[in-house]
Amino acid sequence: MSPQDRYWSSLYELVFHGYLLQAHCQDAADTDRKFKVVVAITSSTSLGIWAVFKAYPEVWATIIVCTQIVSATSKYLPYAARLKAAGACVHDFREIQNWAEMRWCDIVDGDLTDSQINKARSEIQAKTARALKSHFPLDGLPAHQGFNERATVNAESYMNTHFGDKKNGNE
């Protein structure tokens, strides 16, 4: 495989992983939103029913206390940590992607030697590794086939839209 092909593969992988991070981030944000809505409705409804009917105060008080505990501890749940980490990492990946795309233009224009292309590919890998280590120091994201499929479709669409024929820079 030529240095140009290896660079293209690294660029594609970077774009794919950016979309994969985005899918995890969107999923965690949806989970967070739903979770907060359920807690708010449960707490408010319980308080309202208790205030209006004055029946079963222990039941309503227990529900209210439980929703408050869940609300206070929700930031420690796995999806909350994923949301924070993935959101920040997506931004880092976009910066790396912008840098990598500028280098791709240099490659297509013939401004880089094979050695320089190999070095640029290594830089993509190093920058990506630093971003992942910074935001996910203990582990990565769980595997999710649906997210992989979505990321593949988005990455292919992005690459085709922005680069057309990858080898020659032709559309």
C-alpha atoms as a PDB file:
ATOM      1  CA  MET A   1       0.000   0.000   0.000  1.00  0.00           C
ATOM      2  CA  SER A   2       1.394   3.404  -0.940  1.00  0.00           C
ATOM      3  CA  PRO A   3       1.988   6.135   1.666  1.00  0.00           C
ATOM      4  CA  GLN A   4      -0.853   8.094   0.053  1.00  0.00           C
ATOM      5  CA  ASP A   5      -3.247   5.136   0.473  1.00  0.00           C
ATOM      6  CA  ARG A   6      -2.183   4.644   4.095  1.00  0.00           C
ATOM      7  CA  TYR A   7      -2.733   8.342   4.796  1.00  0.00           C
ATOM      8  CA  TRP A   8      -6.170   8.186   3.178  1.00  0.00           C
ATOM      9  CA  SER A   9      -7.062   5.197   5.358  1.00  0.00           C
ATOM     10  CA  SER A  10      -5.970   7.089   8.479  1.00  0.00           C
ATOM     11  CA  LEU A  11      -7.981  10.136   7.433  1.00  0.00           C
ATOM     12  CA  TYR A  12     -11.055   7.984   6.801  1.00  0.00           C
ATOM     13  CA  GLU A  13     -10.607   6.245  10.167  1.00  0.00           C
ATOM     14  CA  LEU A  14     -10.344   9.640  11.889  1.00  0.00           C
ATOM     15  CA  VAL A  15     -13.580  10.846  10.269  1.00  0.00           C
ATOM     16  CA  PHE A  16     -15.311   7.547  11.086  1.00  0.00           C
ATOM     17  CA  HIS A  17     -14.270   7.726  14.752  1.00  0.00           C
ATOM     18  CA  GLY A  18     -15.382  11.352  14.932  1.00  0.00           C
ATOM     19  CA  TYR A  19     -18.847  10.314  13.801  1.00  0.00           C
ATOM     20  CA  LEU A  20     -18.770   7.351  16.188  1.00  0.00           C
ATOM     21  CA  LEU A  21     -17.991   9.690  19.091  1.00  0.00           C
ATOM     22  CA  GLN A  22     -20.772  11.983  17.926  1.00  0.00           C
ATOM     23  CA  ALA A  23     -23.255   9.077  17.910  1.00  0.00           C
ATOM     24  CA  HIS A  24     -22.292   8.129  21.476  1.00  0.00           C
ATOM     25  CA  CYS A  25     -22.571  11.763  22.522  1.00  0.00           C
ATOM     26  CA  GLN A  26     -26.020  12.163  20.960  1.00  0.00           C
ATOM     27  CA  ASP A  27     -27.218   8.934  22.557  1.00  0.00           C
ATOM     28  CA  ALA A  28     -25.954   9.967  25.993  1.00  0.00           C
ATOM     29  CA  ALA A  29     -27.546  13.414  25.592  1.00  0.00           C
ATOM     30  CA  ASP A  30     -30.884  11.780  24.670  1.00  0.00           C
ATOM     31  CA  THR A  31     -30.635   9.461  27.680  1.00  0.00           C
ATOM     32  CA  ASP A  32     -29.799  12.406  29.933  1.00  0.00           C
ATOM     33  CA  ARG A  33     -32.741  14.440  28.648  1.00  0.00           C
ATOM     34  CA  LYS A  34     -35.216  11.554  29.047  1.00  0.00           C
ATOM     35  CA  PHE A  35     -33.877  10.743  32.488  1.00  0.00           C
ATOM     36  CA  LYS A  36     -34.252  14.337  33.678  1.00  0.00           C
ATOM     37  CA  VAL A  37     -37.780  14.613  32.265  1.00  0.00           C
ATOM     38  CA  VAL A  38     -38.889  11.401  34.009  1.00  0.00           C
ATOM     39  CA  VAL A  39     -37.358  12.496  37.326  1.00  0.00           C
ATOM     40  CA  ALA A  40     -38.911  15.967  37.086  1.00  0.00           C
ATOM     41  CA  ILE A  41     -42.362  14.630  36.203  1.00  0.00           C
ATOM     42  CA  THR A  42     -42.242  11.941  38.884  1.00  0.00           C
ATOM     43  CA  SER A  43     -41.118  14.370  41.574  1.00  0.00           C
ATOM     44  CA  SER A  44     -43.564  17.127  40.638  1.00  0.00           C
ATOM     45  CA  THR A  45     -46.517  14.798  40.177  1.00  0.00           C
ATOM     46  CA  SER A  46     -45.861  13.041  43.452  1.00  0.00           C
ATOM     47  CA  LEU A  47     -45.637  16.336  45.287  1.00  0.00           C
ATOM     48  CA  GLY A  48     -48.832  17.576  43.634  1.00  0.00           C
ATOM     49  CA  ILE A  49     -50.803  14.418  44.398  1.00  0.00           C
ATOM     50  CA  TRP A  50     -49.597  14.420  47.989  1.00  0.00           C
ATOM     51  CA  ALA A  51     -50.526  18.107  48.438  1.00  0.00           C
ATOM     52  CA  VAL A  52     -53.971  17.733  46.879  1.00  0.00           C
ATOM     53  CA  PHE A  53     -55.195  14.414  48.256  1.00  0.00           C
ATOM     54  CA  LYS A  54     -53.231  14.145  51.522  1.00  0.00           C
ATOM     55  CA  ALA A  55     -53.519  10.382  51.212  1.00  0.00           C
ATOM     56  CA  TYR A  56     -50.613   7.957  51.610  1.00  0.00           C
ATOM     57  CA  PRO A  57     -48.080  10.592  52.659  1.00  0.00           C
ATOM     58  CA  GLU A  58     -45.385   7.968  53.269  1.00  0.00           C
ATOM     59  CA  VAL A  59     -45.663   6.667  49.705  1.00  0.00           C
ATOM     60  CA  TRP A  60     -45.461  10.128  48.131  1.00  0.00           C
ATOM     61  CA  ALA A  61     -42.668  11.230  50.453  1.00  0.00           C
ATOM     62  CA  THR A  62     -40.690   8.104  49.569  1.00  0.00           C
ATOM     63  CA  ILE A  63     -41.151   8.721  45.845  1.00  0.00           C
ATOM     64  CA  ILE A  64     -40.105  12.364  46.215  1.00  0.00           C
ATOM     65  CA  VAL A  65     -37.028  11.478  48.254  1.00  0.00           C
ATOM     66  CA  CYS A  66     -36.037   8.754  45.772  1.00  0.00           C
ATOM     67  CA  THR A  67     -36.361  11.107  42.803  1.00  0.00           C
ATOM     68  CA  GLN A  68     -34.233  13.688  44.616  1.00  0.00           C
ATOM     69  CA  ILE A  69     -31.556  11.078  45.344  1.00  0.00           C
ATOM     70  CA  VAL A  70     -31.589   9.869  41.748  1.00  0.00           C
ATOM     71  CA  SER A  71     -31.427  13.458  40.513  1.00  0.00           C
ATOM     72  CA  ALA A  72     -28.479  14.282  42.775  1.00  0.00           C
ATOM     73  CA  THR A  73     -26.520  11.155  41.818  1.00  0.00           C
ATOM     74  CA  SER A  74     -27.311  11.128  38.091  1.00  0.00           C
ATOM     75  CA  LYS A  75     -24.076  12.908  37.206  1.00  0.00           C
ATOM     76  CA  TYR A  76     -22.193   9.832  38.424  1.00  0.00           C
ATOM     77  CA  LEU A  77     -23.993   7.397  36.113  1.00  0.00           C
ATOM     78  CA  PRO A  78     -21.999   5.968  33.167  1.00  0.00           C
ATOM     79  CA  TYR A  79     -23.957   7.795  30.470  1.00  0.00           C
ATOM     80  CA  ALA A  80     -23.225  11.165  32.130  1.00  0.00           C
ATOM     81  CA  ALA A  81     -19.484  10.531  32.105  1.00  0.00           C
ATOM     82  CA  ARG A  82     -19.690   9.364  28.480  1.00  0.00           C
ATOM     83  CA  LEU A  83     -21.604  12.493  27.507  1.00  0.00           C
ATOM     84  CA  LYS A  84     -18.979  14.777  29.007  1.00  0.00           C
ATOM     85  CA  ALA A  85     -15.987  12.850  27.638  1.00  0.00           C
ATOM     86  CA  ALA A  86     -17.416  12.182  24.180  1.00  0.00           C
ATOM     87  CA  GLY A  87     -18.571  15.780  23.770  1.00  0.00           C
ATOM     88  CA  ALA A  88     -15.116  17.138  24.526  1.00  0.00           C
ATOM     89  CA  CYS A  89     -13.383  14.474  22.446  1.00  0.00           C
ATOM     90  CA  VAL A  90     -15.578  15.209  19.404  1.00  0.00           C
ATOM     91  CA  HIS A  91     -14.241  18.766  19.396  1.00  0.00           C
ATOM     92  CA  ASP A  92     -10.645  17.544  19.580  1.00  0.00           C
ATOM     93  CA  PHE A  93     -11.295  15.112  16.730  1.00  0.00           C
ATOM     94  CA  ARG A  94     -12.715  17.934  14.577  1.00  0.00           C
ATOM     95  CA  GLU A  95      -9.528  19.939  15.112  1.00  0.00           C
ATOM     96  CA  ILE A  96      -7.377  16.944  14.228  1.00  0.00           C
ATOM     97  CA  GLN A  97      -9.567  16.285  11.198  1.00  0.00           C
ATOM     98  CA  ASN A  98      -9.165  19.873   9.979  1.00  0.00           C
ATOM     99  CA  TRP A  99      -5.399  19.554  10.300  1.00  0.00           C
ATOM    100  CA  ALA A 100      -5.410  16.155   8.552  1.00  0.00           C
ATOM    101  CA  GLU A 101      -7.544  17.456   5.679  1.00  0.00           C
ATOM    102  CA  MET A 102      -5.126  20.339   5.112  1.00  0.00           C
ATOM    103  CA  ARG A 103      -2.294  17.823   4.929  1.00  0.00           C
ATOM    104  CA  TRP A 104      -4.349  15.731   2.471  1.00  0.00           C
ATOM    105  CA  CYS A 105      -4.538  18.755   0.178  1.00  0.00           C
ATOM    106  CA  ASP A 106      -0.734  18.987   0.324  1.00  0.00           C
ATOM    107  CA  ILE A 107      -0.507  15.286  -0.528  1.00  0.00           C
ATOM    108  CA  VAL A 108      -2.879  15.520  -3.491  1.00  0.00           C
ATOM    109  CA  ASP A 109      -1.043  18.612  -4.771  1.00  0.00           C
ATOM    110  CA  GLY A 110       2.189  16.574  -4.690  1.00  0.00           C
ATOM    111  CA  ASP A 111       3.845  18.873  -2.135  1.00  0.00           C
ATOM    112  CA  LEU A 112       4.916  16.053   0.192  1.00  0.00           C
ATOM    113  CA  THR A 113       7.414  13.250  -0.227  1.00  0.00           C
ATOM    114  CA  ASP A 114       6.573   9.684   0.789  1.00  0.00           C
ATOM    115  CA  SER A 115       8.555  10.200   3.978  1.00  0.00           C
ATOM    116  CA  GLN A 116       6.613  13.371   4.813  1.00  0.00           C
ATOM    117  CA  ILE A 117       3.309  11.593   4.101  1.00  0.00           C
ATOM    118  CA  ASN A 118       4.294   8.769   6.465  1.00  0.00           C
ATOM    119  CA  LYS A 119       5.224  11.322   9.119  1.00  0.00           C
ATOM    120  CA  ALA A 120       1.872  13.119   8.682  1.00  0.00           C
ATOM    121  CA  ARG A 121       0.038   9.799   9.061  1.00  0.00           C
ATOM    122  CA  SER A 122       1.956   9.114  12.266  1.00  0.00           C
ATOM    123  CA  GLU A 123       0.988  12.569  13.510  1.00  0.00           C
ATOM    124  CA  ILE A 124      -2.701  11.778  12.944  1.00  0.00           C
ATOM    125  CA  GLN A 125      -2.316   8.624  15.022  1.00  0.00           C
ATOM    126  CA  ALA A 126      -0.403  10.419  17.793  1.00  0.00           C
ATOM    127  CA  LYS A 127      -2.883  13.313  17.990  1.00  0.00           C
ATOM    128  CA  THR A 128      -5.794  10.885  18.032  1.00  0.00           C
ATOM    129  CA  ALA A 129      -4.199   8.780  20.770  1.00  0.00           C
ATOM    130  CA  ARG A 130      -3.578  11.890  22.899  1.00  0.00           C
ATOM    131  CA  ALA A 131      -7.182  13.040  22.511  1.00  0.00           C
ATOM    132  CA  LEU A 132      -8.573   9.633  23.446  1.00  0.00           C
ATOM    133  CA  LYS A 133      -6.218   9.266  26.413  1.00  0.00           C
ATOM    134  CA  SER A 134      -7.117  12.749  27.600  1.00  0.00           C
ATOM    135  CA  HIS A 135     -10.872  12.165  27.541  1.00  0.00           C
ATOM    136  CA  PHE A 136     -11.066   8.419  28.194  1.00  0.00           C
ATOM    137  CA  PRO A 137      -8.128   7.657  30.510  1.00  0.00           C
ATOM    138  CA  LEU A 138      -9.588   4.463  31.955  1.00  0.00           C
ATOM    139  CA  ASP A 139     -11.398   2.955  29.005  1.00  0.00           C
ATOM    140  CA  GLY A 140     -13.106   3.775  25.740  1.00  0.00           C
ATOM    141  CA  LEU A 141     -16.696   3.662  24.679  1.00  0.00           C
ATOM    142  CA  PRO A 142     -18.772   0.488  24.618  1.00  0.00           C
ATOM    143  CA  ALA A 143     -19.192  -1.201  21.254  1.00  0.00           C
ATOM    144  CA  HIS A 144     -22.509  -0.477  19.591  1.00  0.00           C
ATOM    145  CA  GLN A 145     -23.256  -1.950  16.156  1.00  0.00           C
ATOM    146  CA  GLY A 146     -25.907   0.644  15.319  1.00  0.00           C
ATOM    147  CA  PHE A 147     -23.478   3.471  16.051  1.00  0.00           C
ATOM    148  CA  ASN A 148     -20.811   1.804  13.897  1.00  0.00           C
ATOM    149  CA  GLU A 149     -23.246   1.559  10.998  1.00  0.00           C
ATOM    150  CA  ARG A 150     -24.351   5.183  11.409  1.00  0.00           C
ATOM    151  CA  ALA A 151     -20.725   6.355  11.636  1.00  0.00           C
ATOM    152  CA  THR A 152     -19.830   4.395   8.475  1.00  0.00           C
ATOM    153  CA  VAL A 153     -22.671   5.954   6.486  1.00  0.00           C
ATOM    154  CA  ASN A 154     -21.820   9.456   7.740  1.00  0.00           C
ATOM    155  CA  ALA A 155     -18.079   9.053   7.148  1.00  0.00           C
ATOM    156  CA  GLU A 156     -18.560   7.730   3.615  1.00  0.00           C
ATOM    157  CA  SER A 157     -20.979  10.517   2.824  1.00  0.00           C
ATOM    158  CA  TYR A 158     -18.594  13.130   4.222  1.00  0.00           C
ATOM    159  CA  MET A 159     -15.575  11.788   2.356  1.00  0.00           C
ATOM    160  CA  ASN A 160     -17.491  11.503  -0.922  1.00  0.00           C
ATOM    161  CA  THR A 161     -18.973  14.979  -0.558  1.00  0.00           C
ATOM    162  CA  HIS A 162     -15.695  16.674   0.326  1.00  0.00           C
ATOM    163  CA  PHE A 163     -13.164  14.665  -1.634  1.00  0.00           C
ATOM    164  CA  GLY A 164     -14.911  12.707  -4.384  1.00  0.00           C
ATOM    165  CA  ASP A 165     -12.286  10.465  -5.994  1.00  0.00           C
ATOM    166  CA  LYS A 166      -9.798  10.156  -3.149  1.00  0.00           C
ATOM    167  CA  LYS A 167      -6.825   9.029  -5.148  1.00  0.00           C
ATOM    168  CA  ASN A 168      -6.606  11.968  -7.492  1.00  0.00           C
ATOM    169  CA  GLY A 169      -8.521  14.633  -5.650  1.00  0.00           C
ATOM    170  CA  ASN A 170     -11.052  14.537  -8.505  1.00  0.00           C
ATOM    171  CA  GLU A 171     -14.767  14.710  -8.074  1.00  0.00           C
END
